[in-house]
Structures are given as structure tokens and as C-alpha cells.
């Protein structure tokens, strides 16, 4: 179909897939894409390549070139979540091997939950 042909075109190969995994009440798609773009830019600055975003009501899962999922909530303070991620990525205890981590969850207050 159309989508498959679209995905296979060379000029679209760098586009990041956004998968809406469930119905999200009051989702402003333009605002969501703007926030996802900000996340992608910040991760790129940390040498992480985003492959796709999975959108849920309460979270966004970021799939990237490392095995570790990065979890945001775009309905909450995104700047603070990005700042917390930056702190985690600057800590060599974590950044030295992100592939051994399951996830970094940035959704909760002053915490970054790392597993």
C-alpha cells in the first residue's frame, strides 16, 4: 500500500516513526510532534539516534540506537525531564553502557528511575 511505498522512498528514510499505541484524550498532534522533535534533538546532541516514538496516554517510549528505552511524559514538564536525562547521560556509571539498562524513566518528579 501507500504507506509501504512511502517508507521505502530514499528521501523519507530519515523520518522518525511515531506510533500512537492507544487513544489519547485531547491530543494536540502539532504540539505532540513539536515536543517529540525537541526530545529527538536533545538525544541527538547526546549521540543517541531515535528510531521511533511509541505514544501512550501517560507516556512516550523512545526507541533508539541503544537497547535502553527512554520514557517521557509529554503532558508534564518536558524541559525538566530532558534535564534529568542529561544528568543521567553525563554520569559515566550509566552512560558507559546504556545497552545493559532496560530503561530510563523520567516521568516522576525529581527522580530518574533507572533499571
C-alpha atoms as a PDB file:
ATOM      1  CA  UNK A   1       0.000   0.000   0.000  1.00  0.00           C
ATOM      2  CA  UNK A   2       0.711   3.659   0.042  1.00  0.00           C
ATOM      3  CA  UNK A   3       2.451   3.726   3.434  1.00  0.00           C
ATOM      4  CA  UNK A   4       4.841   0.925   2.492  1.00  0.00           C
ATOM      5  CA  UNK A   5       5.845   2.722  -0.729  1.00  0.00           C
ATOM      6  CA  UNK A   6       6.228   5.941   1.276  1.00  0.00           C
ATOM      7  CA  UNK A   7       8.517   4.267   3.838  1.00  0.00           C
ATOM      8  CA  UNK A   8      10.735   2.765   1.164  1.00  0.00           C
ATOM      9  CA  UNK A   9      11.480   6.056  -0.578  1.00  0.00           C
ATOM     10  CA  UNK A  10      15.036   7.250  -0.034  1.00  0.00           C
ATOM     11  CA  UNK A  11      14.036  10.834   0.791  1.00  0.00           C
ATOM     12  CA  UNK A  12      11.861   9.623   3.694  1.00  0.00           C
ATOM     13  CA  UNK A  13      14.359   7.193   5.192  1.00  0.00           C
ATOM     14  CA  UNK A  14      15.437   9.650   7.890  1.00  0.00           C
ATOM     15  CA  UNK A  15      11.901  10.271   9.166  1.00  0.00           C
ATOM     16  CA  UNK A  16      11.199   9.023  12.665  1.00  0.00           C
ATOM     17  CA  UNK A  17       8.127   6.834  13.076  1.00  0.00           C
ATOM     18  CA  UNK A  18       5.530   7.938  15.598  1.00  0.00           C
ATOM     19  CA  UNK A  19       3.273   5.077  16.664  1.00  0.00           C
ATOM     20  CA  UNK A  20       0.140   6.052  18.564  1.00  0.00           C
ATOM     21  CA  UNK A  21      -0.401   2.929  20.679  1.00  0.00           C
ATOM     22  CA  UNK A  22      -3.692   3.943  22.301  1.00  0.00           C
ATOM     23  CA  UNK A  23      -6.375   6.598  22.059  1.00  0.00           C
ATOM     24  CA  UNK A  24      -5.160   9.752  23.771  1.00  0.00           C
ATOM     25  CA  UNK A  25      -7.788  12.212  25.018  1.00  0.00           C
ATOM     26  CA  UNK A  26      -7.247  15.793  23.885  1.00  0.00           C
ATOM     27  CA  UNK A  27      -4.084  15.002  21.957  1.00  0.00           C
ATOM     28  CA  UNK A  28      -2.869  18.096  20.119  1.00  0.00           C
ATOM     29  CA  UNK A  29      -0.881  16.390  17.366  1.00  0.00           C
ATOM     30  CA  UNK A  30       1.008  19.539  16.377  1.00  0.00           C
ATOM     31  CA  UNK A  31       2.064  20.137  19.997  1.00  0.00           C
ATOM     32  CA  UNK A  32       2.977  16.469  20.432  1.00  0.00           C
ATOM     33  CA  UNK A  33       5.144  16.480  17.299  1.00  0.00           C
ATOM     34  CA  UNK A  34       6.843  19.665  18.473  1.00  0.00           C
ATOM     35  CA  UNK A  35       7.689  18.012  21.804  1.00  0.00           C
ATOM     36  CA  UNK A  36       8.868  14.806  20.133  1.00  0.00           C
ATOM     37  CA  UNK A  37      11.079  16.892  17.882  1.00  0.00           C
ATOM     38  CA  UNK A  38      12.613  18.541  20.954  1.00  0.00           C
ATOM     39  CA  UNK A  39      13.271  15.122  22.516  1.00  0.00           C
ATOM     40  CA  UNK A  40      14.852  13.894  19.282  1.00  0.00           C
ATOM     41  CA  UNK A  41      17.105  16.968  19.084  1.00  0.00           C
ATOM     42  CA  UNK A  42      18.250  16.614  22.694  1.00  0.00           C
ATOM     43  CA  UNK A  43      19.005  12.910  22.260  1.00  0.00           C
ATOM     44  CA  UNK A  44      20.900  13.600  19.043  1.00  0.00           C
ATOM     45  CA  UNK A  45      23.036  16.094  20.994  1.00  0.00           C
ATOM     46  CA  UNK A  46      23.909  13.157  23.287  1.00  0.00           C
ATOM     47  CA  UNK A  47      24.809  10.949  20.283  1.00  0.00           C
ATOM     48  CA  UNK A  48      21.615   8.904  20.523  1.00  0.00           C
ATOM     49  CA  UNK A  49      19.694   8.210  17.325  1.00  0.00           C
ATOM     50  CA  UNK A  50      15.916   7.998  17.682  1.00  0.00           C
ATOM     51  CA  UNK A  51      14.267   5.331  15.518  1.00  0.00           C
ATOM     52  CA  UNK A  52      10.693   5.686  16.725  1.00  0.00           C
ATOM     53  CA  UNK A  53       8.346   7.029  19.372  1.00  0.00           C
ATOM     54  CA  UNK A  54       5.527   4.949  20.874  1.00  0.00           C
ATOM     55  CA  UNK A  55       2.789   7.231  22.227  1.00  0.00           C
ATOM     56  CA  UNK A  56       0.528   6.178  25.081  1.00  0.00           C
ATOM     57  CA  UNK A  57      -1.884   8.195  27.237  1.00  0.00           C
ATOM     58  CA  UNK A  58       0.632   8.632  30.076  1.00  0.00           C
ATOM     59  CA  UNK A  59       4.000   8.011  28.440  1.00  0.00           C
ATOM     60  CA  UNK A  60       6.179   8.132  25.364  1.00  0.00           C
ATOM     61  CA  UNK A  61       8.663   5.320  24.779  1.00  0.00           C
ATOM     62  CA  UNK A  62      11.723   6.349  22.800  1.00  0.00           C
ATOM     63  CA  UNK A  63      13.318   3.573  20.736  1.00  0.00           C
ATOM     64  CA  UNK A  64      16.865   4.432  19.750  1.00  0.00           C
ATOM     65  CA  UNK A  65      20.242   3.046  18.765  1.00  0.00           C
ATOM     66  CA  UNK A  66      20.734   1.721  22.319  1.00  0.00           C
ATOM     67  CA  UNK A  67      18.788  -1.131  23.920  1.00  0.00           C
ATOM     68  CA  UNK A  68      17.712   1.101  26.793  1.00  0.00           C
ATOM     69  CA  UNK A  69      14.195   2.546  26.425  1.00  0.00           C
ATOM     70  CA  UNK A  70      13.822   6.183  27.421  1.00  0.00           C
ATOM     71  CA  UNK A  71      10.430   7.092  28.863  1.00  0.00           C
ATOM     72  CA  UNK A  72       8.941  10.598  28.910  1.00  0.00           C
ATOM     73  CA  UNK A  73       5.526  12.102  29.630  1.00  0.00           C
ATOM     74  CA  UNK A  74       4.930  14.910  27.125  1.00  0.00           C
ATOM     75  CA  UNK A  75       1.973  16.179  29.174  1.00  0.00           C
ATOM     76  CA  UNK A  76       4.354  17.098  32.017  1.00  0.00           C
ATOM     77  CA  UNK A  77       7.340  19.469  32.203  1.00  0.00           C
ATOM     78  CA  UNK A  78       9.435  18.223  29.291  1.00  0.00           C
ATOM     79  CA  UNK A  79      12.351  20.599  29.924  1.00  0.00           C
ATOM     80  CA  UNK A  80      12.778  19.118  33.423  1.00  0.00           C
ATOM     81  CA  UNK A  81      12.612  15.550  32.095  1.00  0.00           C
ATOM     82  CA  UNK A  82      15.257  16.385  29.485  1.00  0.00           C
ATOM     83  CA  UNK A  83      17.433  17.979  32.177  1.00  0.00           C
ATOM     84  CA  UNK A  84      17.172  14.802  34.292  1.00  0.00           C
ATOM     85  CA  UNK A  85      18.139  12.697  31.270  1.00  0.00           C
ATOM     86  CA  UNK A  86      21.118  14.956  30.647  1.00  0.00           C
ATOM     87  CA  UNK A  87      22.301  14.389  34.230  1.00  0.00           C
ATOM     88  CA  UNK A  88      21.960  10.611  33.821  1.00  0.00           C
ATOM     89  CA  UNK A  89      23.821  10.635  30.490  1.00  0.00           C
ATOM     90  CA  UNK A  90      26.662  12.702  31.975  1.00  0.00           C
ATOM     91  CA  UNK A  91      27.110  10.093  34.725  1.00  0.00           C
ATOM     92  CA  UNK A  92      29.658   7.583  33.416  1.00  0.00           C
ATOM     93  CA  UNK A  93      28.138   4.888  35.653  1.00  0.00           C
ATOM     94  CA  UNK A  94      25.178   4.839  33.236  1.00  0.00           C
ATOM     95  CA  UNK A  95      26.403   6.393  30.002  1.00  0.00           C
ATOM     96  CA  UNK A  96      29.304   3.982  29.607  1.00  0.00           C
ATOM     97  CA  UNK A  97      26.928   1.131  28.794  1.00  0.00           C
ATOM     98  CA  UNK A  98      23.345   2.160  28.052  1.00  0.00           C
ATOM     99  CA  UNK A  99      22.789  -1.189  26.322  1.00  0.00           C
ATOM    100  CA  UNK A 100      22.818  -3.018  29.655  1.00  0.00           C
ATOM    101  CA  UNK A 101      19.972  -0.879  31.025  1.00  0.00           C
ATOM    102  CA  UNK A 102      16.316  -1.784  30.426  1.00  0.00           C
ATOM    103  CA  UNK A 103      15.010   1.757  30.707  1.00  0.00           C
ATOM    104  CA  UNK A 104      15.399   5.300  31.999  1.00  0.00           C
ATOM    105  CA  UNK A 105      12.018   6.585  33.182  1.00  0.00           C
ATOM    106  CA  UNK A 106      11.889  10.370  33.508  1.00  0.00           C
ATOM    107  CA  UNK A 107       8.178  10.821  34.279  1.00  0.00           C
ATOM    108  CA  UNK A 108       8.233  11.124  38.056  1.00  0.00           C
ATOM    109  CA  UNK A 109       9.070  14.366  39.887  1.00  0.00           C
ATOM    110  CA  UNK A 110      12.727  14.763  40.781  1.00  0.00           C
ATOM    111  CA  UNK A 111      13.562  11.135  40.042  1.00  0.00           C
ATOM    112  CA  UNK A 112      15.011   9.365  37.072  1.00  0.00           C
ATOM    113  CA  UNK A 113      14.187   5.696  37.529  1.00  0.00           C
ATOM    114  CA  UNK A 114      16.929   3.558  36.022  1.00  0.00           C
ATOM    115  CA  UNK A 115      16.667  -0.181  35.664  1.00  0.00           C
END
